[in-house]
Amino acid sequence: MSIKVLYFASLREEIGRGGDVVDISTDQSSHSLSVEQLWVNSTGQTHFPDNLLVAVNQEYTNPQALLNDGDEVAFFPPVTGG
């Protein structure tokens, strides 16, 4: 399973890259992978931040959403300003 991951705004600076392509082996892909698990695996962080926004295939979703081969996942920091 291959998933494209994009990081935006301050996340890009914090993580040090704009994106990744995450390949999950066939053995592992028999188990469902959630957005939250992808975040932990792709960033090395230990938990999913409460205020993080996420979109799968350009539609906002929640961290428990399950991913499929070929999905594009985008992570956004909280929006601020006026």
N, C-alpha and C. Protein backbone atom coordinates (compact mmCIF):
# COMPACT_ATOMS: atom_id res chain seq x y z
N MET A 1 0.85 -1.16 0.00
CA MET A 1 0.00 0.00 0.00
C MET A 1 0.90 1.23 0.00
N SER A 2 0.58 2.20 -0.84
CA SER A 2 1.35 3.43 -0.95
C SER A 2 0.43 4.62 -0.68
N ILE A 3 0.85 5.51 0.23
CA ILE A 3 0.04 6.67 0.61
C ILE A 3 0.90 7.92 0.50
N LYS A 4 0.38 8.93 -0.17
CA LYS A 4 1.07 10.21 -0.30
C LYS A 4 0.68 11.08 0.89
N VAL A 5 1.68 11.64 1.57
CA VAL A 5 1.46 12.46 2.76
C VAL A 5 1.98 13.86 2.48
N LEU A 6 1.17 14.87 2.80
CA LEU A 6 1.55 16.27 2.62
C LEU A 6 1.48 16.99 3.96
N TYR A 7 2.47 17.87 4.21
CA TYR A 7 2.51 18.68 5.43
C TYR A 7 2.46 20.14 5.01
N PHE A 8 1.62 20.95 5.66
CA PHE A 8 1.45 22.34 5.28
C PHE A 8 1.83 23.30 6.39
N ALA A 9 2.19 24.52 5.96
CA ALA A 9 2.47 25.66 6.83
C ALA A 9 3.53 25.33 7.88
N SER A 10 3.24 25.61 9.15
CA SER A 10 4.25 25.41 10.20
C SER A 10 4.62 23.94 10.38
N LEU A 11 3.74 23.03 10.00
CA LEU A 11 4.08 21.60 10.09
C LEU A 11 5.24 21.27 9.15
N ARG A 12 5.21 21.87 7.97
CA ARG A 12 6.29 21.65 7.00
C ARG A 12 7.63 22.08 7.60
N GLU A 13 7.62 23.23 8.27
CA GLU A 13 8.85 23.72 8.89
C GLU A 13 9.27 22.84 10.07
N GLU A 14 8.30 22.46 10.88
CA GLU A 14 8.59 21.64 12.07
C GLU A 14 9.13 20.27 11.69
N ILE A 15 8.53 19.64 10.68
CA ILE A 15 8.92 18.29 10.28
C ILE A 15 10.14 18.32 9.37
N GLY A 16 10.32 19.42 8.64
CA GLY A 16 11.50 19.57 7.81
C GLY A 16 11.33 19.08 6.38
N ARG A 17 10.10 18.84 5.97
CA ARG A 17 9.83 18.41 4.59
C ARG A 17 8.37 18.68 4.27
N GLY A 18 8.08 18.79 2.98
CA GLY A 18 6.73 19.09 2.54
C GLY A 18 5.85 17.87 2.36
N GLY A 19 6.48 16.71 2.31
CA GLY A 19 5.67 15.51 2.11
C GLY A 19 6.50 14.26 2.06
N ASP A 20 5.81 13.15 1.98
CA ASP A 20 6.41 11.82 1.93
C ASP A 20 5.52 10.92 1.08
N VAL A 21 6.08 9.85 0.62
CA VAL A 21 5.29 8.73 0.12
C VAL A 21 5.60 7.58 1.06
N VAL A 22 4.56 7.10 1.74
CA VAL A 22 4.72 6.05 2.73
C VAL A 22 4.28 4.74 2.10
N ASP A 23 5.18 3.78 2.08
CA ASP A 23 4.87 2.46 1.55
C ASP A 23 4.72 1.49 2.71
N ILE A 24 3.58 0.83 2.75
CA ILE A 24 3.29 -0.16 3.78
C ILE A 24 3.39 -1.53 3.12
N SER A 25 4.14 -2.44 3.74
CA SER A 25 4.31 -3.77 3.13
C SER A 25 2.98 -4.50 3.03
N THR A 26 2.90 -5.43 2.11
CA THR A 26 1.68 -6.20 1.88
C THR A 26 1.21 -6.90 3.14
N ASP A 27 2.15 -7.43 3.93
CA ASP A 27 1.78 -8.13 5.16
C ASP A 27 1.09 -7.19 6.15
N GLN A 28 1.63 -5.96 6.26
CA GLN A 28 1.05 -4.99 7.18
C GLN A 28 -0.27 -4.43 6.67
N SER A 29 -0.44 -4.35 5.36
CA SER A 29 -1.63 -3.71 4.82
C SER A 29 -2.89 -4.54 5.01
N SER A 30 -2.73 -5.81 5.43
CA SER A 30 -3.92 -6.61 5.71
C SER A 30 -4.64 -6.08 6.95
N HIS A 31 -3.92 -5.30 7.76
CA HIS A 31 -4.52 -4.63 8.91
C HIS A 31 -4.79 -3.19 8.50
N SER A 32 -5.91 -2.65 8.91
CA SER A 32 -6.27 -1.29 8.54
C SER A 32 -5.31 -0.30 9.18
N LEU A 33 -4.99 0.75 8.43
CA LEU A 33 -4.13 1.82 8.91
C LEU A 33 -4.98 3.08 9.03
N SER A 34 -4.97 3.70 10.20
CA SER A 34 -5.74 4.93 10.40
C SER A 34 -4.86 6.14 10.13
N VAL A 35 -5.50 7.28 9.96
CA VAL A 35 -4.78 8.54 9.78
C VAL A 35 -3.86 8.79 10.97
N GLU A 36 -4.36 8.54 12.16
CA GLU A 36 -3.57 8.75 13.38
C GLU A 36 -2.31 7.88 13.37
N GLN A 37 -2.44 6.61 12.99
CA GLN A 37 -1.28 5.72 12.91
C GLN A 37 -0.29 6.20 11.85
N LEU A 38 -0.81 6.67 10.73
CA LEU A 38 0.05 7.20 9.68
C LEU A 38 0.86 8.38 10.19
N TRP A 39 0.22 9.29 10.93
CA TRP A 39 0.90 10.46 11.50
C TRP A 39 2.06 10.02 12.38
N VAL A 40 1.80 9.09 13.28
CA VAL A 40 2.84 8.60 14.20
C VAL A 40 3.97 7.94 13.41
N ASN A 41 3.63 7.10 12.44
CA ASN A 41 4.66 6.40 11.65
C ASN A 41 5.46 7.34 10.77
N SER A 42 4.82 8.33 10.17
CA SER A 42 5.52 9.18 9.19
C SER A 42 6.30 10.32 9.84
N THR A 43 5.91 10.74 11.05
CA THR A 43 6.60 11.87 11.69
C THR A 43 7.51 11.45 12.83
N GLY A 44 7.30 10.25 13.37
CA GLY A 44 8.08 9.81 14.51
C GLY A 44 7.57 10.38 15.83
N GLN A 45 6.48 11.15 15.78
CA GLN A 45 5.90 11.69 17.01
C GLN A 45 5.09 10.59 17.69
N THR A 46 4.88 10.76 18.98
CA THR A 46 4.25 9.68 19.75
C THR A 46 2.73 9.75 19.81
N HIS A 47 2.14 10.88 19.43
CA HIS A 47 0.68 10.99 19.46
C HIS A 47 0.20 11.97 18.39
N PHE A 48 -1.08 11.92 18.11
CA PHE A 48 -1.72 12.81 17.14
C PHE A 48 -2.19 14.06 17.88
N PRO A 49 -1.70 15.25 17.50
CA PRO A 49 -2.10 16.48 18.20
C PRO A 49 -3.62 16.72 18.10
N ASP A 50 -4.22 17.15 19.20
CA ASP A 50 -5.66 17.37 19.25
C ASP A 50 -6.15 18.42 18.26
N ASN A 51 -5.32 19.43 17.99
CA ASN A 51 -5.77 20.54 17.16
C ASN A 51 -5.36 20.41 15.69
N LEU A 52 -4.83 19.29 15.29
CA LEU A 52 -4.38 19.08 13.92
C LEU A 52 -5.56 18.80 13.00
N LEU A 53 -5.57 19.43 11.83
CA LEU A 53 -6.60 19.16 10.82
C LEU A 53 -6.04 18.18 9.81
N VAL A 54 -6.91 17.33 9.28
CA VAL A 54 -6.46 16.33 8.32
C VAL A 54 -7.50 16.18 7.22
N ALA A 55 -7.00 16.00 5.99
CA ALA A 55 -7.87 15.73 4.85
C ALA A 55 -7.35 14.48 4.14
N VAL A 56 -8.27 13.64 3.71
CA VAL A 56 -7.93 12.46 2.91
C VAL A 56 -8.60 12.66 1.55
N ASN A 57 -7.77 12.64 0.52
CA ASN A 57 -8.26 12.86 -0.85
C ASN A 57 -9.07 14.15 -0.94
N GLN A 58 -8.54 15.20 -0.31
CA GLN A 58 -9.07 16.57 -0.35
C GLN A 58 -10.42 16.73 0.34
N GLU A 59 -10.73 15.85 1.28
CA GLU A 59 -11.93 15.98 2.10
C GLU A 59 -11.55 15.85 3.57
N TYR A 60 -11.95 16.85 4.38
CA TYR A 60 -11.63 16.79 5.80
C TYR A 60 -12.22 15.53 6.43
N THR A 61 -11.45 14.97 7.36
CA THR A 61 -11.89 13.75 8.04
C THR A 61 -11.34 13.74 9.46
N ASN A 62 -11.51 12.65 10.16
CA ASN A 62 -11.04 12.54 11.54
C ASN A 62 -9.84 11.59 11.62
N PRO A 63 -9.10 11.64 12.72
CA PRO A 63 -7.89 10.82 12.85
C PRO A 63 -8.13 9.32 12.84
N GLN A 64 -9.36 8.89 13.10
CA GLN A 64 -9.65 7.46 13.11
C GLN A 64 -10.02 6.92 11.73
N ALA A 65 -10.11 7.79 10.73
CA ALA A 65 -10.46 7.35 9.37
C ALA A 65 -9.44 6.33 8.87
N LEU A 66 -9.94 5.29 8.21
CA LEU A 66 -9.06 4.24 7.68
C LEU A 66 -8.62 4.59 6.27
N LEU A 67 -7.39 4.23 5.95
CA LEU A 67 -6.79 4.60 4.67
C LEU A 67 -6.76 3.43 3.71
N ASN A 68 -6.72 3.78 2.42
CA ASN A 68 -6.65 2.79 1.34
C ASN A 68 -5.44 3.08 0.47
N ASP A 69 -5.01 2.09 -0.27
CA ASP A 69 -3.90 2.25 -1.20
C ASP A 69 -4.18 3.41 -2.14
N GLY A 70 -3.17 4.28 -2.32
CA GLY A 70 -3.29 5.40 -3.24
C GLY A 70 -3.89 6.65 -2.65
N ASP A 71 -4.28 6.62 -1.38
CA ASP A 71 -4.85 7.82 -0.75
C ASP A 71 -3.81 8.92 -0.64
N GLU A 72 -4.30 10.17 -0.64
CA GLU A 72 -3.47 11.33 -0.37
C GLU A 72 -3.95 11.93 0.95
N VAL A 73 -3.04 12.07 1.89
CA VAL A 73 -3.37 12.57 3.22
C VAL A 73 -2.63 13.89 3.44
N ALA A 74 -3.38 14.93 3.82
CA ALA A 74 -2.79 16.24 4.07
C ALA A 74 -3.02 16.62 5.52
N PHE A 75 -1.95 17.08 6.17
CA PHE A 75 -2.02 17.52 7.56
C PHE A 75 -1.84 19.04 7.60
N PHE A 76 -2.72 19.72 8.36
CA PHE A 76 -2.70 21.18 8.48
C PHE A 76 -2.65 21.58 9.94
N PRO A 77 -1.85 22.60 10.27
CA PRO A 77 -1.89 23.12 11.64
C PRO A 77 -3.19 23.90 11.83
N PRO A 78 -3.54 24.22 13.07
CA PRO A 78 -4.74 25.02 13.31
C PRO A 78 -4.63 26.37 12.59
N VAL A 79 -5.74 26.85 12.09
CA VAL A 79 -5.77 28.12 11.37
C VAL A 79 -6.00 29.24 12.38
N THR A 80 -5.18 30.29 12.28
CA THR A 80 -5.33 31.44 13.17
C THR A 80 -5.34 32.71 12.35
N GLY A 81 -5.65 33.77 12.98
CA GLY A 81 -5.62 35.06 12.28
C GLY A 81 -6.99 35.69 12.26
N GLY A 82 -7.07 36.79 11.54
CA GLY A 82 -8.34 37.50 11.55
C GLY A 82 -8.67 38.09 10.23
